Amino acid sequence: MLAKRIIPCLDIKNGQTVKGTNFINLREAGDPVELGQLYSEQGADELVYLDITASHEGRKTFTDLVKRIAACINIPFTVGGGIHELSDVERLLNAGADKVSVNSAAIRNPQLIDDIAQHFGSQVCVVAIDARQTEKGWKCYLNGGRVETEKDLFNWAHEANERGAGEILFTSMDHDGVKNGYANKALAILSDTLTIPVIASGGAGNKQHFKDAFTQGKADAALAASVFHFGEIPIPELKAYLHTEGINVRI
């Protein structure tokens, strides 16, 4: 069985790492390159960098920062935010990113997933989905959680899978930054119905939450931000705990 992955996520705004709660109330968390180096040294399996206001502000993602990150770390990293076309993907891969994450642009233009998979390979294409439970079920949101859509989480994830996405990065907006655990029921449905890996995001507050995401949620990877950025859970300590709990992780 493939090892479960631990993935720190660095949300970037104005060149700095930030973290909020339920996608709002952002506070600075440090230099993204220095944090990336630290997590790489601590044993993180991958990193995700998201330019969280790129889609909302209509900007291109931070190519220069990606180059700096690539020069300083030796683990795979994914970059997202403001990716709308193949030239954006090519630019970021050339700058040193291993994968790209598409969210709003993929909902608006699902063909983008097919195009990325066909031109660069499915392994490059991570489809990120921000969703929350509404009276009509789990609904997907655009532009960093600002705009609700009619798309159902599970139907959209299945479509992305069929179109050639390599992974689904599912963030529960209700759980984001609250530290009460991941949305494990929704994660389990995704994991059971998709043929590609599912990354859990939103809700990590203690080490057991990661274990639950892997056992109850059946996730392939768990992503977290504030518990790593503010030193609440050191990655070596987390991996040692998961190992003793019978979770297959790279130590």
Protein backbone atom coordinates (compact mmCIF):
# COMPACT_ATOMS: atom_id res chain seq x y z
CA MET A 1 0.00 0.00 0.00
CA LEU A 2 1.25 3.47 -0.88
CA ALA A 3 2.46 5.57 2.03
CA LYS A 4 0.08 8.28 3.23
CA ARG A 5 1.39 11.77 2.56
CA ILE A 6 1.67 14.77 4.88
CA ILE A 7 1.43 18.04 2.94
CA PRO A 8 1.88 21.51 4.46
CA CYS A 9 -0.10 24.14 2.57
CA LEU A 10 1.15 27.69 2.25
CA ASP A 11 -1.46 30.26 1.28
CA ILE A 12 0.30 33.24 -0.27
CA LYS A 13 -0.86 36.83 -0.31
CA ASN A 14 1.44 39.72 -1.26
CA GLY A 15 4.45 37.40 -1.12
CA GLN A 16 3.81 36.26 2.47
CA THR A 17 2.33 33.11 3.92
CA VAL A 18 -1.06 33.79 5.52
CA LYS A 19 -3.64 31.70 7.34
CA GLY A 20 -7.27 32.36 8.19
CA THR A 21 -10.38 30.69 9.55
CA ASN A 22 -13.24 29.66 7.23
CA PHE A 23 -11.32 31.46 4.44
CA ILE A 24 -11.37 34.87 6.23
CA ASN A 25 -9.51 36.74 9.02
CA LEU A 26 -6.07 36.21 7.49
CA ARG A 27 -2.90 36.64 9.54
CA GLU A 28 0.72 36.43 8.43
CA ALA A 29 2.60 33.19 9.09
CA GLY A 30 6.07 33.75 7.64
CA ASP A 31 8.29 33.70 4.57
CA PRO A 32 7.09 31.05 2.10
CA VAL A 33 10.57 30.01 0.97
CA GLU A 34 11.93 29.67 4.51
CA LEU A 35 8.86 27.72 5.63
CA GLY A 36 9.14 25.46 2.60
CA GLN A 37 12.77 24.72 3.41
CA LEU A 38 11.87 23.96 7.03
CA TYR A 39 9.07 21.57 6.08
CA SER A 40 11.28 19.84 3.53
CA GLU A 41 13.94 19.29 6.20
CA GLN A 42 11.34 18.07 8.70
CA GLY A 43 10.12 15.31 6.41
CA ALA A 44 7.07 16.73 4.64
CA ASP A 45 6.23 14.60 1.61
CA GLU A 46 5.08 17.46 -0.60
CA LEU A 47 4.15 21.14 -0.38
CA VAL A 48 1.25 23.12 -1.81
CA TYR A 49 1.54 26.86 -2.51
CA LEU A 50 -1.70 28.69 -3.27
CA ASP A 51 -1.83 32.29 -4.42
CA ILE A 52 -5.17 32.78 -2.67
CA THR A 53 -6.20 36.10 -4.20
CA ALA A 54 -4.99 35.51 -7.78
CA SER A 55 -8.34 34.35 -9.18
CA HIS A 56 -10.30 36.99 -7.29
CA GLU A 57 -7.94 39.78 -8.40
CA GLY A 58 -7.45 38.42 -11.91
CA ARG A 59 -3.66 38.12 -11.57
CA LYS A 60 -1.19 35.58 -12.85
CA THR A 61 0.45 33.36 -10.28
CA PHE A 62 3.77 34.31 -8.71
CA THR A 63 6.36 32.91 -11.11
CA ASP A 64 9.40 34.49 -9.46
CA LEU A 65 8.46 33.08 -6.06
CA VAL A 66 8.07 29.63 -7.61
CA LYS A 67 11.63 29.87 -8.98
CA ARG A 68 12.95 30.76 -5.53
CA ILE A 69 11.07 27.87 -3.94
CA ALA A 70 12.33 25.38 -6.54
CA ALA A 71 15.92 26.48 -5.90
CA CYS A 72 15.63 25.84 -2.16
CA ILE A 73 13.62 22.64 -1.63
CA ASN A 74 14.02 19.06 -2.79
CA ILE A 75 10.51 17.66 -2.44
CA PRO A 76 7.63 17.92 -4.94
CA PHE A 77 5.47 21.01 -4.75
CA THR A 78 2.18 22.09 -6.28
CA VAL A 79 1.29 25.65 -7.22
CA GLY A 80 -2.21 27.07 -7.63
CA GLY A 81 -4.05 30.34 -8.07
CA GLY A 82 -4.79 32.30 -11.22
CA ILE A 83 -4.17 29.41 -13.62
CA HIS A 84 -6.51 29.80 -16.61
CA GLU A 85 -4.75 28.36 -19.65
CA LEU A 86 -2.01 26.00 -20.76
CA SER A 87 0.54 28.81 -21.01
CA ASP A 88 0.09 29.44 -17.27
CA VAL A 89 0.80 25.78 -16.56
CA GLU A 90 3.85 25.74 -18.80
CA ARG A 91 5.24 28.89 -17.18
CA LEU A 92 4.91 27.44 -13.67
CA LEU A 93 6.34 24.05 -14.59
CA ASN A 94 9.28 25.79 -16.27
CA ALA A 95 9.78 27.82 -13.09
CA GLY A 96 10.18 24.56 -11.15
CA ALA A 97 6.74 23.47 -9.94
CA ASP A 98 5.97 19.74 -10.11
CA LYS A 99 2.18 20.05 -10.31
CA VAL A 100 -0.45 22.74 -10.72
CA SER A 101 -3.71 23.09 -8.85
CA VAL A 102 -6.77 24.41 -10.69
CA ASN A 103 -10.02 25.32 -9.01
CA SER A 104 -12.15 28.26 -10.20
CA ALA A 105 -10.88 28.10 -13.77
CA ALA A 106 -11.68 24.39 -14.02
CA ILE A 107 -15.25 24.92 -12.84
CA ARG A 108 -15.73 27.71 -15.37
CA ASN A 109 -13.99 25.74 -18.14
CA PRO A 110 -13.86 21.98 -17.39
CA GLN A 111 -12.04 21.37 -20.68
CA LEU A 112 -8.97 22.89 -19.00
CA ILE A 113 -8.56 19.63 -17.03
CA ASP A 114 -8.54 17.57 -20.25
CA ASP A 115 -6.07 19.96 -21.84
CA ILE A 116 -3.61 19.92 -18.93
CA ALA A 117 -3.78 16.12 -18.68
CA GLN A 118 -3.26 15.67 -22.41
CA HIS A 119 -0.40 18.16 -22.73
CA PHE A 120 1.50 17.59 -19.49
CA GLY A 121 0.15 14.32 -18.05
CA SER A 122 -2.50 13.65 -15.44
CA GLN A 123 0.12 13.63 -12.67
CA VAL A 124 0.57 17.38 -13.18
CA CYS A 125 -3.12 18.24 -12.75
CA VAL A 126 -4.50 18.61 -9.23
CA VAL A 127 -8.14 19.70 -9.16
CA ALA A 128 -8.83 21.63 -5.96
CA ILE A 129 -12.42 21.80 -4.77
CA ASP A 130 -13.61 24.23 -2.09
CA ALA A 131 -17.02 23.10 -0.86
CA ARG A 132 -19.40 23.48 2.05
CA GLN A 133 -22.63 21.84 3.12
CA THR A 134 -25.76 23.78 2.21
CA GLU A 135 -29.46 22.99 2.34
CA LYS A 136 -28.99 21.56 -1.15
CA GLY A 137 -26.02 19.36 -0.20
CA TRP A 138 -22.30 19.87 -0.66
CA LYS A 139 -21.83 22.79 -3.09
CA CYS A 140 -18.61 23.95 -4.76
CA TYR A 141 -17.37 27.53 -4.46
CA LEU A 142 -15.34 29.82 -6.72
CA ASN A 143 -12.72 32.53 -6.11
CA GLY A 144 -11.37 31.40 -2.76
CA GLY A 145 -14.76 30.53 -1.33
CA ARG A 146 -16.44 33.79 -2.32
CA VAL A 147 -18.97 32.56 -4.89
CA GLU A 148 -21.34 29.60 -4.51
CA THR A 149 -22.03 27.49 -7.61
CA GLU A 150 -24.68 24.91 -8.43
CA LYS A 151 -22.04 22.23 -8.80
CA ASP A 152 -22.32 19.29 -6.42
CA LEU A 153 -19.04 18.26 -4.77
CA PHE A 154 -19.31 14.56 -5.60
CA ASN A 155 -20.54 14.99 -9.17
CA TRP A 156 -17.85 17.56 -9.93
CA ALA A 157 -15.08 15.43 -8.40
CA HIS A 158 -16.25 12.47 -10.52
CA GLU A 159 -16.24 14.62 -13.67
CA ALA A 160 -12.74 15.92 -12.89
CA ASN A 161 -11.59 12.32 -12.40
CA GLU A 162 -13.09 11.32 -15.75
CA ARG A 163 -11.51 14.30 -17.53
CA GLY A 164 -8.00 13.30 -16.46
CA ALA A 165 -7.24 14.96 -13.12
CA GLY A 166 -4.42 13.24 -11.27
CA GLU A 167 -5.64 14.10 -7.77
CA ILE A 168 -8.52 15.81 -5.99
CA LEU A 169 -7.69 18.31 -3.25
CA PHE A 170 -10.90 18.67 -1.25
CA THR A 171 -11.19 21.51 1.26
CA SER A 172 -14.22 21.66 3.50
CA MET A 173 -14.80 25.37 3.98
CA ASP A 174 -16.82 24.70 7.16
CA HIS A 175 -13.84 22.90 8.69
CA ASP A 176 -11.11 25.26 7.45
CA GLY A 177 -9.02 26.64 10.31
CA VAL A 178 -11.50 25.47 12.95
CA LYS A 179 -9.28 22.55 14.08
CA ASN A 180 -12.13 20.16 14.85
CA GLY A 181 -11.07 17.49 12.37
CA TYR A 182 -11.52 16.87 8.66
CA ALA A 183 -14.81 16.27 6.84
CA ASN A 184 -14.30 12.52 7.01
CA LYS A 185 -17.73 11.39 5.82
CA ALA A 186 -17.44 13.40 2.62
CA LEU A 187 -13.81 12.32 2.23
CA ALA A 188 -14.80 8.65 2.50
CA ILE A 189 -17.43 9.05 -0.21
CA LEU A 190 -14.87 10.69 -2.50
CA SER A 191 -12.23 8.06 -1.75
CA ASP A 192 -14.68 5.20 -2.36
CA THR A 193 -16.03 6.55 -5.64
CA LEU A 194 -12.98 8.03 -7.37
CA THR A 195 -10.11 6.20 -9.06
CA ILE A 196 -7.52 8.88 -8.22
CA PRO A 197 -5.96 9.97 -4.90
CA VAL A 198 -7.88 12.31 -2.60
CA ILE A 199 -6.12 14.93 -0.48
CA ALA A 200 -7.92 15.99 2.70
CA SER A 201 -7.86 19.68 3.58
CA GLY A 202 -9.50 21.79 6.26
CA GLY A 203 -9.79 20.96 9.93
CA ALA A 204 -6.51 19.62 11.31
CA GLY A 205 -6.11 20.53 14.96
CA ASN A 206 -4.32 17.57 16.52
CA LYS A 207 -2.46 14.42 15.51
CA GLN A 208 -5.51 12.17 15.76
CA HIS A 209 -7.30 14.29 13.16
CA PHE A 210 -4.69 13.18 10.63
CA LYS A 211 -5.14 9.54 11.62
CA ASP A 212 -8.92 9.90 11.29
CA ALA A 213 -8.57 11.40 7.81
CA PHE A 214 -6.61 8.33 6.74
CA THR A 215 -8.75 5.71 8.50
CA GLN A 216 -12.29 7.15 8.55
CA GLY A 217 -11.89 9.48 5.56
CA LYS A 218 -9.75 7.00 3.58
CA ALA A 219 -7.72 9.93 2.26
CA ASP A 220 -4.43 9.36 0.45
CA ALA A 221 -2.87 12.53 1.82
CA ALA A 222 -3.64 15.10 4.50
CA LEU A 223 -2.95 18.78 4.01
CA ALA A 224 -2.73 21.32 6.81
CA ALA A 225 -1.52 24.85 7.37
CA SER A 226 -1.77 26.62 10.73
CA VAL A 227 -0.81 23.63 12.91
CA PHE A 228 2.47 23.52 10.99
CA HIS A 229 3.02 27.28 10.47
CA PHE A 230 2.61 28.12 14.15
CA GLY A 231 4.57 25.12 15.47
CA GLU A 232 1.62 23.33 17.06
CA ILE A 233 2.40 19.95 15.46
CA PRO A 234 5.99 19.26 14.35
CA ILE A 235 6.02 17.03 11.28
CA PRO A 236 8.51 14.46 12.67
CA GLU A 237 6.35 14.11 15.78
CA LEU A 238 3.22 13.70 13.66
CA LYS A 239 4.78 11.02 11.48
CA ALA A 240 6.11 9.12 14.49
CA TYR A 241 2.61 9.14 16.00
CA LEU A 242 0.98 7.94 12.77
CA HIS A 243 3.58 5.19 12.44
CA THR A 244 2.85 3.91 15.96
CA GLU A 245 -0.87 3.98 15.10
CA GLY A 246 -0.28 1.66 12.17
CA ILE A 247 -0.50 4.27 9.40
CA ASN A 248 2.00 3.72 6.59
CA VAL A 249 4.03 6.95 6.35
CA ARG A 250 7.55 7.75 5.18
CA ILE A 251 9.68 8.32 8.25
